[in-house]
């Protein structure tokens, strides 16, 4: 019986999957035109699945010899005299596993000391032996670094430019997370120049694998239903789409979590929205390898420069910058309605939990009495009491907790979210609305079917209060609430704490907004 795959490439004999060929159109036409091209997409988007399917289809068609070759083993080898021989050996090893003729002849007497030419030379000699054109699909191409990357691309360019008078690879795909135009970010500013004859100028086109559409999620899940008769209810699929935004690994992981981990493959039970909601929380809490490896990137300075202003809601992030392109290609963010936001709500949650995890652990210390029962009053949260507690907590601990965070500008927001998470753990939920350009971070506490909207702002300029009240009122409208809270962090070091800490209520369009100074 097939299953939802969450580890490695998919294959149609074992896994439920969307037809790989259907996810990317136009590639085979470029191959027919002898073009070199790029395929890029975030991790766990199905790139390797697509490449292996394409390799099989092209070989079965019989027009070309097609070789799949991962360059992951050459990752972070900076020196070309070490990296290029590793690439040649990797091609040699992959050929041994293929049905391509004369494979034993490739690099048989390679001169690895001539590292600036050996790749070009060995591919040329091998192509001369073949009776059909050779296509190579280089997976993980963007893992190459600095000198190795430059030398690799230059030799491919030299071979490309030597055609048709000299035999060389018919078509090449460079596949990874990054677009070819962004490969320059892998090269240190002080390293060898690309030169006027750019190694990138032979690339005809760049493709990207998109996330699943909602219709493709339905199609994927229907395969399971057809095989087992187990139904995914409509609102369950709606929730998967909303929370994953079609990220392929997440779509599979949610289904696997429900069917295998929660229902223990009992196919008589329908898959409901409640089960999906629980599965998503399990994934968030357990942080499987895919998510954990993605979140490790948050430590990188170039990622911080994008994620931190997004958390703060700051307005300008250069969408053409290497930092933005890199963070987007990792699959951490997306652009929606001109705003930069987390790629999906699940990633938004795990990003915040990761960045505030040390704070949440520290809050478990018995010296911090901030737990849910403290704030309950006749079945409701006493938000004024909670906010006054936070004010005192921030007053006494802000310097220590800001120093604890790698994201120091966003530390007030992260501390507040850690504080709220600690309060509602096991008894409620924090909904986060994170996006650049909004000028704030919106949160909504959910407890016992009651909503408590909160807006977090950094004090900027003279109109912060007026703007903040209007923004909070609109956010309250979104959640159909007549009461909300706006927390204003004043980062001025010249201001005394007694002037920063205040508590007052304003009325906006008949709604009550409590302003909490911090």
Protein backbone atom coordinates (compact mmCIF):
# COMPACT_ATOMS: atom_id res chain seq x y z
CA UNK A 1 0.00 0.00 0.00
CA UNK A 2 1.23 3.50 -0.80
CA UNK A 3 1.87 6.16 1.82
CA UNK A 4 2.56 9.89 2.21
CA UNK A 5 6.31 10.32 1.93
CA UNK A 6 8.15 12.68 4.29
CA UNK A 7 11.71 11.44 3.74
CA UNK A 8 13.62 11.78 0.47
CA UNK A 9 12.43 11.72 -3.15
CA UNK A 10 9.03 10.28 -4.02
CA UNK A 11 8.37 7.47 -6.47
CA UNK A 12 5.01 6.55 -7.91
CA UNK A 13 5.25 2.86 -6.95
CA UNK A 14 5.46 3.55 -3.21
CA UNK A 15 4.13 7.04 -2.57
CA UNK A 16 1.08 9.17 -3.18
CA UNK A 17 2.37 11.99 -5.36
CA UNK A 18 1.49 14.67 -7.84
CA UNK A 19 2.82 13.88 -11.31
CA UNK A 20 6.31 15.42 -11.30
CA UNK A 21 6.18 16.29 -15.00
CA UNK A 22 2.97 18.26 -14.53
CA UNK A 23 4.62 20.59 -12.01
CA UNK A 24 7.10 22.09 -14.47
CA UNK A 25 6.34 22.88 -18.11
CA UNK A 26 8.81 23.83 -20.84
CA UNK A 27 11.93 22.00 -19.62
CA UNK A 28 11.96 19.35 -22.32
CA UNK A 29 11.59 21.97 -25.04
CA UNK A 30 14.75 23.67 -23.75
CA UNK A 31 16.58 20.36 -23.77
CA UNK A 32 15.56 19.80 -27.37
CA UNK A 33 17.03 23.25 -28.17
CA UNK A 34 20.39 22.30 -26.55
CA UNK A 35 19.95 24.90 -23.80
CA UNK A 36 21.48 25.17 -20.33
CA UNK A 37 18.99 26.22 -17.65
CA UNK A 38 18.28 26.52 -13.93
CA UNK A 39 15.59 24.98 -11.72
CA UNK A 40 15.30 26.45 -8.23
CA UNK A 41 12.91 25.96 -5.34
CA UNK A 42 12.91 25.77 -1.55
CA UNK A 43 13.97 22.64 0.32
CA UNK A 44 11.58 19.68 0.27
CA UNK A 45 9.64 21.08 -2.68
CA UNK A 46 10.12 18.06 -4.92
CA UNK A 47 13.19 19.05 -6.97
CA UNK A 48 14.97 15.70 -6.69
CA UNK A 49 11.72 13.81 -7.32
CA UNK A 50 11.24 15.85 -10.49
CA UNK A 51 14.84 15.36 -11.68
CA UNK A 52 14.79 11.60 -11.22
CA UNK A 53 11.45 11.38 -13.02
CA UNK A 54 12.82 13.53 -15.85
CA UNK A 55 15.94 11.35 -16.07
CA UNK A 56 13.82 8.20 -16.39
CA UNK A 57 11.50 9.74 -18.97
CA UNK A 58 14.30 11.07 -21.16
CA UNK A 59 16.20 7.78 -21.06
CA UNK A 60 13.04 5.83 -21.84
CA UNK A 61 12.31 8.11 -24.79
CA UNK A 62 15.66 7.12 -26.28
CA UNK A 63 16.65 10.41 -27.87
CA UNK A 64 19.29 11.27 -25.25
CA UNK A 65 21.54 9.73 -22.63
CA UNK A 66 20.54 11.46 -19.41
CA UNK A 67 22.51 11.50 -16.18
CA UNK A 68 21.31 12.66 -12.76
CA UNK A 69 24.20 13.87 -10.59
CA UNK A 70 24.05 15.42 -7.11
CA UNK A 71 26.91 17.79 -6.22
CA UNK A 72 26.19 17.70 -2.49
CA UNK A 73 29.48 15.90 -1.76
CA UNK A 74 31.36 18.99 -3.02
CA UNK A 75 29.57 21.29 -0.58
CA UNK A 76 31.74 23.99 0.98
CA UNK A 77 34.90 22.92 -0.87
CA UNK A 78 36.20 26.39 -1.59
CA UNK A 79 39.45 25.58 -3.40
CA UNK A 80 38.88 24.56 -7.04
CA UNK A 81 41.92 22.28 -7.02
CA UNK A 82 39.97 20.18 -4.49
CA UNK A 83 36.41 20.84 -5.60
CA UNK A 84 36.69 20.19 -9.35
CA UNK A 85 38.26 16.73 -8.97
CA UNK A 86 35.48 15.87 -6.52
CA UNK A 87 32.87 16.88 -9.11
CA UNK A 88 34.57 14.79 -11.83
CA UNK A 89 34.70 11.78 -9.49
CA UNK A 90 31.02 12.26 -8.63
CA UNK A 91 30.07 12.22 -12.32
CA UNK A 92 32.21 9.10 -12.75
CA UNK A 93 30.43 7.35 -9.85
CA UNK A 94 26.98 8.28 -11.17
CA UNK A 95 27.90 6.97 -14.62
CA UNK A 96 28.83 3.61 -13.10
CA UNK A 97 25.24 3.30 -11.87
CA UNK A 98 23.76 4.24 -15.24
CA UNK A 99 23.15 2.36 -18.48
CA UNK A 100 25.08 4.91 -20.52
CA UNK A 101 27.64 3.20 -22.82
CA UNK A 102 31.42 3.70 -22.50
CA UNK A 103 30.96 4.78 -18.89
CA UNK A 104 34.23 3.16 -17.85
CA UNK A 105 36.06 5.51 -20.21
CA UNK A 106 34.97 8.70 -18.46
CA UNK A 107 37.92 10.34 -16.66
CA UNK A 108 39.88 7.11 -17.04
CA UNK A 109 43.18 9.00 -17.27
CA UNK A 110 42.05 12.36 -15.90
CA UNK A 111 44.75 14.90 -15.08
CA UNK A 112 43.35 16.37 -11.88
CA UNK A 113 46.30 18.73 -11.53
CA UNK A 114 44.88 20.65 -14.51
CA UNK A 115 41.83 21.55 -12.43
CA UNK A 116 40.89 24.58 -14.55
CA UNK A 117 40.30 22.34 -17.61
CA UNK A 118 39.82 18.76 -16.45
CA UNK A 119 36.01 18.86 -16.23
CA UNK A 120 35.65 20.42 -19.67
CA UNK A 121 38.17 18.02 -21.20
CA UNK A 122 36.69 14.83 -19.71
CA UNK A 123 33.13 15.76 -20.68
CA UNK A 124 34.32 16.58 -24.22
CA UNK A 125 36.17 13.27 -24.63
CA UNK A 126 33.23 11.31 -23.24
CA UNK A 127 30.68 13.02 -25.49
CA UNK A 128 32.86 12.14 -28.50
CA UNK A 129 32.34 8.44 -27.69
CA UNK A 130 28.55 8.60 -27.49
CA UNK A 131 26.14 7.93 -30.33
CA UNK A 132 23.45 10.15 -28.78
CA UNK A 133 23.56 13.59 -27.10
CA UNK A 134 24.28 13.68 -23.34
CA UNK A 135 22.06 15.56 -20.86
CA UNK A 136 23.26 16.14 -17.29
CA UNK A 137 20.97 17.26 -14.46
CA UNK A 138 23.15 18.66 -11.65
CA UNK A 139 21.24 18.57 -8.37
CA UNK A 140 22.38 20.67 -5.34
CA UNK A 141 24.39 22.84 -7.74
CA UNK A 142 24.11 25.85 -5.45
CA UNK A 143 26.03 24.10 -2.68
CA UNK A 144 29.27 24.84 -4.56
CA UNK A 145 31.31 27.65 -3.06
CA UNK A 146 33.61 30.40 -4.22
CA UNK A 147 36.53 29.17 -6.35
CA UNK A 148 34.96 25.78 -7.03
CA UNK A 149 31.73 27.41 -8.20
CA UNK A 150 33.51 29.86 -10.50
CA UNK A 151 35.77 27.21 -12.03
CA UNK A 152 32.88 24.76 -12.47
CA UNK A 153 30.71 27.31 -14.29
CA UNK A 154 33.55 28.61 -16.43
CA UNK A 155 34.36 25.13 -17.71
CA UNK A 156 30.70 24.52 -18.53
CA UNK A 157 30.61 27.84 -20.37
CA UNK A 158 33.77 27.03 -22.31
CA UNK A 159 32.30 23.68 -23.37
CA UNK A 160 28.99 25.32 -24.30
CA UNK A 161 30.72 27.97 -26.42
CA UNK A 162 32.84 25.34 -28.23
CA UNK A 163 29.76 23.79 -29.79
CA UNK A 164 28.90 22.78 -32.51
CA UNK A 165 32.47 22.36 -33.73
CA UNK A 166 33.44 20.33 -30.66
CA UNK A 167 31.53 17.65 -28.80
CA UNK A 168 30.15 18.65 -25.40
CA UNK A 169 27.12 18.14 -23.17
CA UNK A 170 23.92 18.73 -25.16
CA UNK A 171 21.94 20.27 -22.27
CA UNK A 172 22.62 20.93 -18.60
CA UNK A 173 20.31 21.76 -15.69
CA UNK A 174 21.71 23.46 -12.59
CA UNK A 175 19.28 22.71 -9.77
CA UNK A 176 19.12 23.97 -6.19
CA UNK A 177 17.45 26.42 -3.88
CA UNK A 178 18.85 29.50 -5.57
CA UNK A 179 18.33 31.18 -8.90
CA UNK A 180 21.51 31.34 -10.98
CA UNK A 181 21.62 35.14 -10.74
CA UNK A 182 21.93 34.76 -6.97
CA UNK A 183 24.88 32.34 -7.06
CA UNK A 184 27.17 35.35 -6.75
CA UNK A 185 26.14 35.55 -3.10
CA UNK A 186 28.09 32.33 -2.59
CA UNK A 187 31.29 34.18 -3.49
CA UNK A 188 33.08 36.40 -0.98
CA UNK A 189 33.40 40.07 -1.99
CA UNK A 190 37.20 39.77 -1.80
CA UNK A 191 37.37 36.61 -3.91
CA UNK A 192 38.28 36.29 -7.57
CA UNK A 193 36.13 38.43 -9.83
CA UNK A 194 33.65 36.84 -12.16
CA UNK A 195 35.19 38.81 -14.97
CA UNK A 196 33.45 40.35 -17.93
CA UNK A 197 32.78 36.95 -19.49
CA UNK A 198 30.30 35.90 -16.83
CA UNK A 199 29.91 32.14 -16.23
CA UNK A 200 26.18 32.77 -15.90
CA UNK A 201 25.58 34.15 -19.38
CA UNK A 202 24.91 30.76 -21.02
CA UNK A 203 21.77 30.09 -18.97
CA UNK A 204 18.70 30.34 -21.21
CA UNK A 205 15.98 30.27 -18.55
CA UNK A 206 15.29 29.84 -14.86
CA UNK A 207 12.37 27.71 -13.66
CA UNK A 208 10.94 27.34 -10.20
CA UNK A 209 8.84 24.57 -8.68
CA UNK A 210 5.76 26.12 -7.17
CA UNK A 211 3.95 24.84 -4.09
CA UNK A 212 0.91 22.64 -4.57
CA UNK A 213 -2.31 24.40 -5.45
CA UNK A 214 -5.40 23.59 -3.41
CA UNK A 215 -6.64 21.48 -6.33
CA UNK A 216 -3.39 19.49 -6.28
CA UNK A 217 -3.78 18.87 -2.53
CA UNK A 218 -7.26 17.54 -3.21
CA UNK A 219 -5.85 15.36 -6.00
CA UNK A 220 -3.06 14.04 -3.76
CA UNK A 221 -5.38 13.20 -0.87
CA UNK A 222 -7.93 11.64 -3.22
CA UNK A 223 -5.31 9.03 -4.18
CA UNK A 224 -5.34 7.84 -0.56
CA UNK A 225 -9.12 7.90 -0.46
CA UNK A 226 -9.38 5.87 -3.67
CA UNK A 227 -7.02 3.23 -2.25
CA UNK A 228 -8.33 3.01 1.34
CA UNK A 229 -11.83 4.61 1.21
CA UNK A 230 -10.71 6.92 4.04
CA UNK A 231 -12.18 10.37 3.43
CA UNK A 232 -10.55 13.76 3.98
CA UNK A 233 -13.43 16.02 4.95
CA UNK A 234 -13.72 19.28 3.02
CA UNK A 235 -12.97 21.54 5.98
CA UNK A 236 -9.93 19.39 6.79
CA UNK A 237 -8.52 20.03 3.31
CA UNK A 238 -9.36 23.73 3.65
CA UNK A 239 -7.35 23.86 6.88
CA UNK A 240 -4.38 22.02 5.33
CA UNK A 241 -4.36 24.52 2.46
CA UNK A 242 -4.65 27.52 4.78
CA UNK A 243 -1.90 26.37 7.15
CA UNK A 244 0.61 24.94 4.64
CA UNK A 245 -0.03 27.15 1.60
CA UNK A 246 0.70 24.02 -0.41
CA UNK A 247 4.30 23.47 0.80
CA UNK A 248 4.74 19.87 -0.42
CA UNK A 249 6.56 18.44 2.61
CA UNK A 250 4.02 19.96 5.02
CA UNK A 251 1.07 18.69 2.97
CA UNK A 252 2.48 15.17 3.18
CA UNK A 253 3.56 15.53 6.82
CA UNK A 254 0.10 16.57 8.02
CA UNK A 255 -1.52 13.59 6.28
CA UNK A 256 1.12 11.20 7.61
CA UNK A 257 0.76 12.58 11.14
CA UNK A 258 -3.01 12.05 11.15
CA UNK A 259 -3.15 8.67 9.39
CA UNK A 260 -0.10 6.92 10.84
CA UNK A 261 0.75 8.63 14.12
CA UNK A 262 -2.71 9.55 15.39
CA UNK A 263 -5.14 7.06 13.81
CA UNK A 264 -2.58 4.24 13.57
CA UNK A 265 -3.72 3.48 10.01
CA UNK A 266 -7.34 2.93 11.01
CA UNK A 267 -8.90 3.79 7.66
CA UNK A 268 -12.48 3.54 8.91
CA UNK A 269 -12.26 6.98 10.54
CA UNK A 270 -12.67 10.13 8.44
CA UNK A 271 -9.96 12.81 8.58
CA UNK A 272 -11.52 15.88 10.15
CA UNK A 273 -10.41 19.47 10.65
CA UNK A 274 -9.95 18.77 14.37
CA UNK A 275 -7.54 15.94 13.59
CA UNK A 276 -5.65 18.17 11.15
CA UNK A 277 -5.43 20.93 13.77
CA UNK A 278 -3.99 18.49 16.30
CA UNK A 279 -1.56 17.10 13.71
CA UNK A 280 -0.28 20.60 12.93
CA UNK A 281 0.32 21.28 16.62
CA UNK A 282 2.21 17.99 16.90
CA UNK A 283 4.43 18.96 13.97
CA UNK A 284 5.07 22.40 15.48
CA UNK A 285 5.96 20.94 18.87
CA UNK A 286 8.13 18.05 17.65
CA UNK A 287 9.88 20.08 14.93
CA UNK A 288 10.87 17.25 12.56
CA UNK A 289 14.26 17.31 10.84
CA UNK A 290 13.04 19.29 7.82
CA UNK A 291 11.70 22.11 9.98
CA UNK A 292 14.60 22.01 12.43
CA UNK A 293 17.20 22.26 9.66
CA UNK A 294 15.28 25.15 8.14
CA UNK A 295 15.11 26.98 11.46
CA UNK A 296 18.86 26.66 11.95
CA UNK A 297 19.12 29.22 9.16
CA UNK A 298 17.59 31.81 11.49
CA UNK A 299 21.02 32.10 13.11
CA UNK A 300 22.52 33.42 9.88
CA UNK A 301 22.99 37.18 9.79
CA UNK A 302 21.58 37.58 6.27
CA UNK A 303 18.41 35.75 7.33
CA UNK A 304 18.12 37.83 10.50
CA UNK A 305 18.26 41.01 8.41
CA UNK A 306 15.01 39.94 6.71
CA UNK A 307 13.16 38.08 9.47
CA UNK A 308 13.68 40.69 12.20
CA UNK A 309 12.07 43.66 10.38
CA UNK A 310 9.30 41.31 9.27
CA UNK A 311 8.54 40.51 12.92
CA UNK A 312 8.59 44.22 13.76
CA UNK A 313 6.34 45.02 10.80
CA UNK A 314 8.89 47.51 9.46
CA UNK A 315 8.16 48.97 6.06
CA UNK A 316 11.13 48.68 3.72
CA UNK A 317 12.89 45.46 2.86
CA UNK A 318 14.73 45.50 -0.46
CA UNK A 319 13.21 42.66 -2.48
CA UNK A 320 16.17 42.72 -4.88
CA UNK A 321 18.76 42.25 -2.14
CA UNK A 322 20.75 39.03 -1.83
CA UNK A 323 19.48 38.71 1.75
CA UNK A 324 15.84 38.76 0.66
CA UNK A 325 16.38 36.41 -2.29
CA UNK A 326 18.31 33.97 -0.14
CA UNK A 327 15.69 33.92 2.64
CA UNK A 328 12.87 33.55 0.12
CA UNK A 329 14.67 30.73 -1.70
CA UNK A 330 15.10 28.92 1.61
CA UNK A 331 11.31 28.83 1.70
CA UNK A 332 11.02 30.84 4.92
CA UNK A 333 9.15 33.82 3.48
CA UNK A 334 6.90 34.84 0.62
CA UNK A 335 5.48 38.05 -0.83
CA UNK A 336 1.70 38.38 -0.57
CA UNK A 337 -0.21 41.57 -1.41
CA UNK A 338 3.15 43.42 -1.59
CA UNK A 339 3.95 42.44 2.01
CA UNK A 340 6.74 40.11 3.09
CA UNK A 341 5.42 37.45 5.44
CA UNK A 342 6.26 33.91 6.61
CA UNK A 343 5.80 31.36 3.84
CA UNK A 344 2.84 29.81 5.67
CA UNK A 345 1.21 29.96 9.12
CA UNK A 346 3.03 26.82 10.30
CA UNK A 347 6.41 28.38 9.52
CA UNK A 348 5.29 31.62 11.20
CA UNK A 349 4.58 29.71 14.39
CA UNK A 350 7.78 27.67 14.41
CA UNK A 351 9.91 30.74 13.59
CA UNK A 352 8.57 32.63 16.60
CA UNK A 353 8.79 29.59 18.87
CA UNK A 354 12.37 28.97 17.79
CA UNK A 355 13.43 32.57 18.37
CA UNK A 356 11.72 32.71 21.75
CA UNK A 357 12.47 29.14 22.89
CA UNK A 358 15.25 30.14 25.33
CA UNK A 359 12.92 32.72 26.83
CA UNK A 360 10.11 30.20 27.21
CA UNK A 361 12.47 27.76 28.91
CA UNK A 362 13.69 30.47 31.28
CA UNK A 363 10.09 31.36 32.15
CA UNK A 364 9.62 27.84 33.51
CA UNK A 365 11.79 28.89 36.45
CA UNK A 366 9.63 28.91 39.62
CA UNK A 367 10.73 32.48 40.34
CA UNK A 368 8.41 33.57 37.51
CA UNK A 369 4.81 33.03 38.73
CA UNK A 370 3.28 33.81 35.33
CA UNK A 371 0.95 30.86 34.72
CA UNK A 372 -2.57 30.57 33.39
CA UNK A 373 -4.52 30.10 36.67
CA UNK A 374 -3.18 33.41 37.94
CA UNK A 375 -5.14 35.29 35.27
CA UNK A 376 -8.45 33.44 35.22
CA UNK A 377 -11.50 35.29 36.41
CA UNK A 378 -14.95 33.68 36.06
CA UNK A 379 -13.81 31.65 33.05
CA UNK A 380 -12.21 34.59 31.26
CA UNK A 381 -8.67 35.92 31.09
CA UNK A 382 -8.14 39.01 33.20
CA UNK A 383 -6.14 40.79 30.53
CA UNK A 384 -5.54 43.96 32.51
CA UNK A 385 -3.99 41.92 35.32
CA UNK A 386 -1.91 39.98 32.80
CA UNK A 387 -0.69 43.16 31.08
CA UNK A 388 0.27 44.82 34.38
CA UNK A 389 2.24 41.71 35.28
CA UNK A 390 4.03 41.92 31.94
CA UNK A 391 4.87 45.57 32.52
CA UNK A 392 6.59 44.73 35.79
CA UNK A 393 8.30 41.71 34.27
CA UNK A 394 9.64 43.83 31.39
CA UNK A 395 10.77 46.56 33.76
CA UNK A 396 12.78 44.14 35.90
CA UNK A 397 14.14 41.86 33.16
CA UNK A 398 14.28 43.70 29.83
CA UNK A 399 18.06 44.27 29.76
CA UNK A 400 18.80 40.63 30.55
CA UNK A 401 16.28 39.26 28.06
CA UNK A 402 17.33 41.57 25.23
CA UNK A 403 20.92 40.41 25.71
CA UNK A 404 19.69 36.81 25.57
CA UNK A 405 18.25 37.29 22.09
CA UNK A 406 20.13 37.20 18.78
CA UNK A 407 17.30 39.36 17.40
CA UNK A 408 17.81 42.35 19.67
CA UNK A 409 15.59 44.82 17.79
CA UNK A 410 12.72 42.34 17.88
CA UNK A 411 13.47 41.21 21.44
CA UNK A 412 10.52 43.12 23.02
CA UNK A 413 8.09 41.38 20.67
CA UNK A 414 9.73 37.98 21.22
CA UNK A 415 9.70 38.38 25.00
CA UNK A 416 6.05 39.37 24.95
CA UNK A 417 5.16 36.35 22.82
CA UNK A 418 7.17 34.02 25.07
CA UNK A 419 5.35 35.50 28.06
CA UNK A 420 1.93 34.96 26.45
CA UNK A 421 2.84 31.47 25.24
CA UNK A 422 3.82 30.53 28.77
CA UNK A 423 0.49 31.81 30.07
CA UNK A 424 -1.72 29.94 27.58
CA UNK A 425 0.31 26.71 27.18
CA UNK A 426 -2.02 23.78 27.58
CA UNK A 427 -5.09 25.97 27.76
CA UNK A 428 -5.20 28.32 24.83
CA UNK A 429 -3.59 29.51 21.62
CA UNK A 430 -1.72 32.55 20.30
CA UNK A 431 -2.55 33.56 16.71
CA UNK A 432 0.14 35.72 15.10
CA UNK A 433 -0.19 38.09 12.14
CA UNK A 434 3.36 38.74 10.95
CA UNK A 435 4.23 40.82 7.88
CA UNK A 436 6.56 43.63 6.87
CA UNK A 437 5.17 47.06 6.09
CA UNK A 438 2.35 46.94 8.63
CA UNK A 439 4.16 48.94 11.32
CA UNK A 440 3.13 46.51 14.07
CA UNK A 441 2.73 42.88 15.08
CA UNK A 442 -0.79 41.63 15.73
CA UNK A 443 -1.57 38.82 18.15
CA UNK A 444 -4.82 37.27 19.26
CA UNK A 445 -5.09 35.15 22.39
CA UNK A 446 -7.72 32.43 22.21
CA UNK A 447 -9.03 30.91 25.41
CA UNK A 448 -12.31 29.07 25.96
CA UNK A 449 -13.75 30.44 22.68
CA UNK A 450 -12.94 34.00 23.77
CA UNK A 451 -10.66 36.27 21.71
CA UNK A 452 -8.28 38.87 23.10
CA UNK A 453 -6.66 40.96 20.32
CA UNK A 454 -3.29 42.58 21.06
CA UNK A 455 -1.12 44.89 18.97
CA UNK A 456 2.60 45.29 19.63
CA UNK A 457 4.33 48.48 18.49
CA UNK A 458 7.70 50.16 18.85
CA UNK A 459 7.31 53.87 19.60
CA UNK A 460 8.37 55.72 16.42
CA UNK A 461 7.56 59.33 15.59
CA UNK A 462 4.78 61.56 16.87
CA UNK A 463 1.85 59.79 15.22
CA UNK A 464 2.55 56.31 16.60
CA UNK A 465 -0.34 56.56 19.09
CA UNK A 466 -2.96 57.76 16.62
CA UNK A 467 -1.89 55.21 14.02
CA UNK A 468 -1.69 52.47 16.62
CA UNK A 469 -5.21 53.07 17.90
CA UNK A 470 -6.63 52.95 14.37
CA UNK A 471 -4.67 49.77 13.58
CA UNK A 472 -5.77 48.11 16.81
CA UNK A 473 -9.41 49.01 16.14
CA UNK A 474 -9.22 47.46 12.66
CA UNK A 475 -7.64 44.32 14.09
CA UNK A 476 -10.43 44.13 16.67
CA UNK A 477 -12.97 44.39 13.84
CA UNK A 478 -11.28 41.45 12.14
CA UNK A 479 -11.93 39.32 15.22
CA UNK A 480 -15.35 40.88 16.01
CA UNK A 481 -14.13 42.15 19.39
CA UNK A 482 -15.07 45.33 21.25
CA UNK A 483 -12.05 45.27 23.56
CA UNK A 484 -8.36 45.15 22.66
CA UNK A 485 -4.88 45.97 23.96
CA UNK A 486 -2.02 47.91 22.41
CA UNK A 487 1.44 47.41 23.92
CA UNK A 488 3.87 50.23 23.12
CA UNK A 489 7.56 49.60 23.68
CA UNK A 490 9.56 52.78 24.25
CA UNK A 491 13.23 52.06 23.52
CA UNK A 492 14.50 55.53 24.51
CA UNK A 493 17.29 55.13 27.05
CA UNK A 494 16.90 58.72 28.29
CA UNK A 495 13.37 58.12 29.53
CA UNK A 496 12.76 56.99 33.11
CA UNK A 497 10.87 53.76 33.68
CA UNK A 498 8.08 55.50 35.54
CA UNK A 499 7.39 57.47 32.36
CA UNK A 500 7.52 54.37 30.15
CA UNK A 501 5.11 52.34 32.27
CA UNK A 502 1.55 53.58 31.93
CA UNK A 503 -1.89 52.08 31.54
CA UNK A 504 -4.80 53.94 30.00
CA UNK A 505 -7.98 53.25 28.11
CA UNK A 506 -9.16 54.94 24.93
CA UNK A 507 -12.41 54.66 23.00
CA UNK A 508 -12.18 54.22 19.23
CA UNK A 509 -15.43 53.90 17.24
CA UNK A 510 -17.20 52.65 20.35
CA UNK A 511 -14.47 50.07 21.12
CA UNK A 512 -12.22 50.07 24.16
CA UNK A 513 -8.46 49.98 23.53
CA UNK A 514 -6.17 49.64 26.57
CA UNK A 515 -2.75 51.20 25.91
CA UNK A 516 0.02 49.46 27.81
CA UNK A 517 3.30 51.37 28.03
CA UNK A 518 6.46 49.28 28.32
